Amino acid sequence: MPGRWSLRHACRPLRQPGRTLDVRIGLIPNVGIAQILVPTDEGEFAARGLNVSIQPVTDTTQTMISVAGGQFDIGGVSMGPATLNAFNRGADLKIIASVFAEPPGHTVRSFR
């Protein structure tokens, strides 16, 4: 999709050939993480010197604890109460990108 940022487009080859950088990512399994799973499976990150390992997680709170504690380098979290409370309490976490976003006019809705 033109104009849409993704991790694979942001990755440039490392400057030191032959060296790799380990990147541990904790993600809640859903369709939105395809933009990370596909290039990982296809070797695009490895070709850029990144050894990406993905660990499935089940909740945002544990993901943030794991990132803050050094078990993950990157974590996918939802912007709910747990995340907002962590930022409000001064957690040393940064938002670097949106993993799952819907373009205007393509929102998912549920009806009753």
C-alpha atoms as a PDB file:
ATOM      1  CA  MET A   1       0.000   0.000   0.000  1.00  0.00           C
ATOM      2  CA  PRO A   2       1.693   3.245  -1.101  1.00  0.00           C
ATOM      3  CA  GLY A   3       2.587   5.669   1.647  1.00  0.00           C
ATOM      4  CA  ARG A   4       2.230   3.101   4.418  1.00  0.00           C
ATOM      5  CA  TRP A   5       5.185   2.661   6.727  1.00  0.00           C
ATOM      6  CA  SER A   6       6.393  -0.797   7.598  1.00  0.00           C
ATOM      7  CA  LEU A   7       9.342  -2.168   9.524  1.00  0.00           C
ATOM      8  CA  ARG A   8      10.773  -3.920   6.473  1.00  0.00           C
ATOM      9  CA  HIS A   9      10.894  -0.685   4.476  1.00  0.00           C
ATOM     10  CA  ALA A  10      12.643   1.115   7.319  1.00  0.00           C
ATOM     11  CA  CYS A  11      15.442  -1.437   7.648  1.00  0.00           C
ATOM     12  CA  ARG A  12      18.659  -0.707   5.848  1.00  0.00           C
ATOM     13  CA  PRO A  13      21.535  -3.184   5.685  1.00  0.00           C
ATOM     14  CA  LEU A  14      23.896  -3.025   8.660  1.00  0.00           C
ATOM     15  CA  ARG A  15      27.113  -1.191   7.929  1.00  0.00           C
ATOM     16  CA  GLN A  16      29.336  -4.080   9.029  1.00  0.00           C
ATOM     17  CA  PRO A  17      28.915  -7.013   6.631  1.00  0.00           C
ATOM     18  CA  GLY A  18      28.832 -10.412   8.290  1.00  0.00           C
ATOM     19  CA  ARG A  19      27.455  -9.114  11.593  1.00  0.00           C
ATOM     20  CA  THR A  20      23.869  -9.595  12.657  1.00  0.00           C
ATOM     21  CA  LEU A  21      21.692  -7.838  15.158  1.00  0.00           C
ATOM     22  CA  ASP A  22      19.287  -9.915  17.248  1.00  0.00           C
ATOM     23  CA  VAL A  23      15.809  -8.384  17.556  1.00  0.00           C
ATOM     24  CA  ARG A  24      13.318 -10.063  19.906  1.00  0.00           C
ATOM     25  CA  ILE A  25       9.699  -9.097  19.283  1.00  0.00           C
ATOM     26  CA  GLY A  26       6.658  -9.976  21.412  1.00  0.00           C
ATOM     27  CA  LEU A  27       3.403  -9.817  19.459  1.00  0.00           C
ATOM     28  CA  ILE A  28      -0.223 -10.695  20.089  1.00  0.00           C
ATOM     29  CA  PRO A  29      -1.164 -12.957  17.147  1.00  0.00           C
ATOM     30  CA  ASN A  30      -3.579 -11.197  14.786  1.00  0.00           C
ATOM     31  CA  VAL A  31      -3.824 -10.219  11.137  1.00  0.00           C
ATOM     32  CA  GLY A  32      -2.126  -6.889  11.808  1.00  0.00           C
ATOM     33  CA  ILE A  33       1.267  -8.478  12.413  1.00  0.00           C
ATOM     34  CA  ALA A  34       1.479  -9.889   8.877  1.00  0.00           C
ATOM     35  CA  GLN A  35       3.715  -6.956   7.922  1.00  0.00           C
ATOM     36  CA  ILE A  36       6.300  -8.347  10.350  1.00  0.00           C
ATOM     37  CA  LEU A  37       5.672 -12.089   9.909  1.00  0.00           C
ATOM     38  CA  VAL A  38       5.880 -12.165   6.108  1.00  0.00           C
ATOM     39  CA  PRO A  39       9.263 -10.438   5.711  1.00  0.00           C
ATOM     40  CA  THR A  40      10.619 -12.500   8.604  1.00  0.00           C
ATOM     41  CA  ASP A  41       9.529 -15.737   6.913  1.00  0.00           C
ATOM     42  CA  GLU A  42      10.776 -14.576   3.524  1.00  0.00           C
ATOM     43  CA  GLY A  43      14.225 -13.690   4.883  1.00  0.00           C
ATOM     44  CA  GLU A  44      14.033  -9.966   4.177  1.00  0.00           C
ATOM     45  CA  PHE A  45      15.199  -8.998   7.667  1.00  0.00           C
ATOM     46  CA  ALA A  46      17.982 -11.589   7.600  1.00  0.00           C
ATOM     47  CA  ALA A  47      19.181 -10.171   4.282  1.00  0.00           C
ATOM     48  CA  ARG A  48      19.562  -6.827   6.072  1.00  0.00           C
ATOM     49  CA  GLY A  49      21.542  -8.326   8.951  1.00  0.00           C
ATOM     50  CA  LEU A  50      18.651  -8.680  11.400  1.00  0.00           C
ATOM     51  CA  ASN A  51      18.023 -11.917  13.230  1.00  0.00           C
ATOM     52  CA  VAL A  52      14.343 -11.387  14.083  1.00  0.00           C
ATOM     53  CA  SER A  53      12.671 -13.755  16.526  1.00  0.00           C
ATOM     54  CA  ILE A  54       8.965 -13.429  17.201  1.00  0.00           C
ATOM     55  CA  GLN A  55       7.386 -14.652  20.416  1.00  0.00           C
ATOM     56  CA  PRO A  56       3.584 -14.834  20.625  1.00  0.00           C
ATOM     57  CA  VAL A  57       2.148 -13.140  23.709  1.00  0.00           C
ATOM     58  CA  THR A  58      -1.370 -12.990  25.108  1.00  0.00           C
ATOM     59  CA  ASP A  59      -1.724  -9.596  26.731  1.00  0.00           C
ATOM     60  CA  THR A  60      -0.489  -6.038  26.594  1.00  0.00           C
ATOM     61  CA  THR A  61       0.509  -5.775  30.251  1.00  0.00           C
ATOM     62  CA  GLN A  62       2.876  -8.751  30.099  1.00  0.00           C
ATOM     63  CA  THR A  63       4.308  -7.517  26.810  1.00  0.00           C
ATOM     64  CA  MET A  64       5.183  -4.123  28.320  1.00  0.00           C
ATOM     65  CA  ILE A  65       6.715  -5.781  31.388  1.00  0.00           C
ATOM     66  CA  SER A  66       8.799  -8.002  29.087  1.00  0.00           C
ATOM     67  CA  VAL A  67      10.022  -5.032  27.022  1.00  0.00           C
ATOM     68  CA  ALA A  68      10.841  -2.985  30.130  1.00  0.00           C
ATOM     69  CA  GLY A  69      12.634  -5.995  31.639  1.00  0.00           C
ATOM     70  CA  GLY A  70      14.728  -6.682  28.547  1.00  0.00           C
ATOM     71  CA  GLN A  71      13.108  -9.967  27.447  1.00  0.00           C
ATOM     72  CA  PHE A  72      11.854  -8.275  24.248  1.00  0.00           C
ATOM     73  CA  ASP A  73      13.391  -5.469  22.229  1.00  0.00           C
ATOM     74  CA  ILE A  74      10.032  -4.560  20.661  1.00  0.00           C
ATOM     75  CA  GLY A  75       6.497  -5.361  21.757  1.00  0.00           C
ATOM     76  CA  GLY A  76       3.166  -4.960  20.048  1.00  0.00           C
ATOM     77  CA  VAL A  77       0.597  -3.573  22.459  1.00  0.00           C
ATOM     78  CA  SER A  78      -2.938  -2.274  22.202  1.00  0.00           C
ATOM     79  CA  MET A  79      -3.680   1.309  23.187  1.00  0.00           C
ATOM     80  CA  GLY A  80      -5.935   0.440  26.083  1.00  0.00           C
ATOM     81  CA  PRO A  81      -5.969   1.135  29.825  1.00  0.00           C
ATOM     82  CA  ALA A  82      -2.833  -0.917  30.601  1.00  0.00           C
ATOM     83  CA  THR A  83      -0.741   0.978  28.059  1.00  0.00           C
ATOM     84  CA  LEU A  84      -2.088   4.391  29.024  1.00  0.00           C
ATOM     85  CA  ASN A  85      -1.520   3.646  32.729  1.00  0.00           C
ATOM     86  CA  ALA A  86       2.064   2.553  32.035  1.00  0.00           C
ATOM     87  CA  PHE A  87       2.816   5.824  30.223  1.00  0.00           C
ATOM     88  CA  ASN A  88       1.041   7.821  32.928  1.00  0.00           C
ATOM     89  CA  ARG A  89       3.285   6.167  35.543  1.00  0.00           C
ATOM     90  CA  GLY A  90       6.412   7.093  33.606  1.00  0.00           C
ATOM     91  CA  ALA A  91       7.310   3.736  32.060  1.00  0.00           C
ATOM     92  CA  ASP A  92      10.432   3.994  29.891  1.00  0.00           C
ATOM     93  CA  LEU A  93       8.669   2.848  26.723  1.00  0.00           C
ATOM     94  CA  LYS A  94       8.353   4.519  23.339  1.00  0.00           C
ATOM     95  CA  ILE A  95       5.766   4.244  20.583  1.00  0.00           C
ATOM     96  CA  ILE A  96       7.655   3.730  17.326  1.00  0.00           C
ATOM     97  CA  ALA A  97       4.900   2.782  14.872  1.00  0.00           C
ATOM     98  CA  SER A  98       1.372   1.589  14.442  1.00  0.00           C
ATOM     99  CA  VAL A  99       1.253  -2.128  13.717  1.00  0.00           C
ATOM    100  CA  PHE A 100      -2.394  -2.319  12.782  1.00  0.00           C
ATOM    101  CA  ALA A 101      -4.250   0.626  11.331  1.00  0.00           C
ATOM    102  CA  GLU A 102      -7.230   0.927   9.066  1.00  0.00           C
ATOM    103  CA  PRO A 103      -7.189   3.437   6.227  1.00  0.00           C
ATOM    104  CA  PRO A 104     -10.055   5.941   6.109  1.00  0.00           C
ATOM    105  CA  GLY A 105     -13.247   4.323   4.879  1.00  0.00           C
ATOM    106  CA  HIS A 106     -12.065   0.775   5.667  1.00  0.00           C
ATOM    107  CA  THR A 107     -12.805   0.434   9.370  1.00  0.00           C
ATOM    108  CA  VAL A 108     -13.939  -2.830  10.893  1.00  0.00           C
ATOM    109  CA  ARG A 109     -17.326  -2.521  12.521  1.00  0.00           C
ATOM    110  CA  SER A 110     -19.513  -4.920  14.364  1.00  0.00           C
ATOM    111  CA  PHE A 111     -23.262  -4.605  14.402  1.00  0.00           C
ATOM    112  CA  ARG A 112     -25.783  -6.040  16.749  1.00  0.00           C
END
